[in-house]
C-alpha cells in the first residue's frame, strides 16, 4: 500500500462532505451532502442484507459508498430539473480523475466497481441503483413540512412515477417503492398539477 497516495485520496474525498444535493436535510433547511446520502443508502442496504440471495454483500456496500464519489468533480444532477446531458460521460471522466490518485491496483478496483454501477452489469449494481432511487422519496417525506424539494422544483407525482418505475421489477425494493410512493402522495409531498385553462 502506498501511504501517501491513500492519504491524498482521503484528503480529496473530504470534499464529498460538502457536495450538495437538491434534497434538504431533515428540519435544518440546508442541502443534504453526497456523503450523508451515501451513508444513509449504505445503512438502508445493511438493513436489507437478509432479503437478498446470491449476492456479494461486500461488493454491494462498496458500490453504495463509491457510486457518487465522482460528483466531487461532476456535481449532483437532479433527474427532474437538472441538466442530464452527458451525465454518465461526465461522471466517468470524474471517476477516472479521482481514482487515479490511488495506486494502480486500487484505481482499477474502484474504477471497475464504478463502471459496473454505471453500466448496471451485476445484480449488486442493480440493487444499489434501485435503493439509491428510493432515498429522495424518504428524504422528501422527512422534510415535507418545510423543505420538500419535489414541491420546490414543481415535481409532480406522475413525473416521479414515470422516472422511477423502470428501476423496480419485483422483490423487496419494489415493495419499499410502492409503500414510500403511496406515503409521499398521501402526505402531499409532490407539486400539484397545474389546472388547465
Foldseek 3Di string as FASTA:
>chain_A
DDVVLVVVLVVLLVLQQVQFDLFPAFPPGHGHGNQNLLVVLLVVCVVCVVQDPPDDVVLLNLLSRCQCSLCSPVGDADPPPGDCVCVVVSSLVSLLVSLVSDPPVSSVVSSVSNVCLVVVVDPSSLVSVLSSLCSLLVRLLSRVVPTLSQQVVQPALVNSCVVNVVSDDDGDSVVSVVVSSVSCVVSVSHHDDDDDD
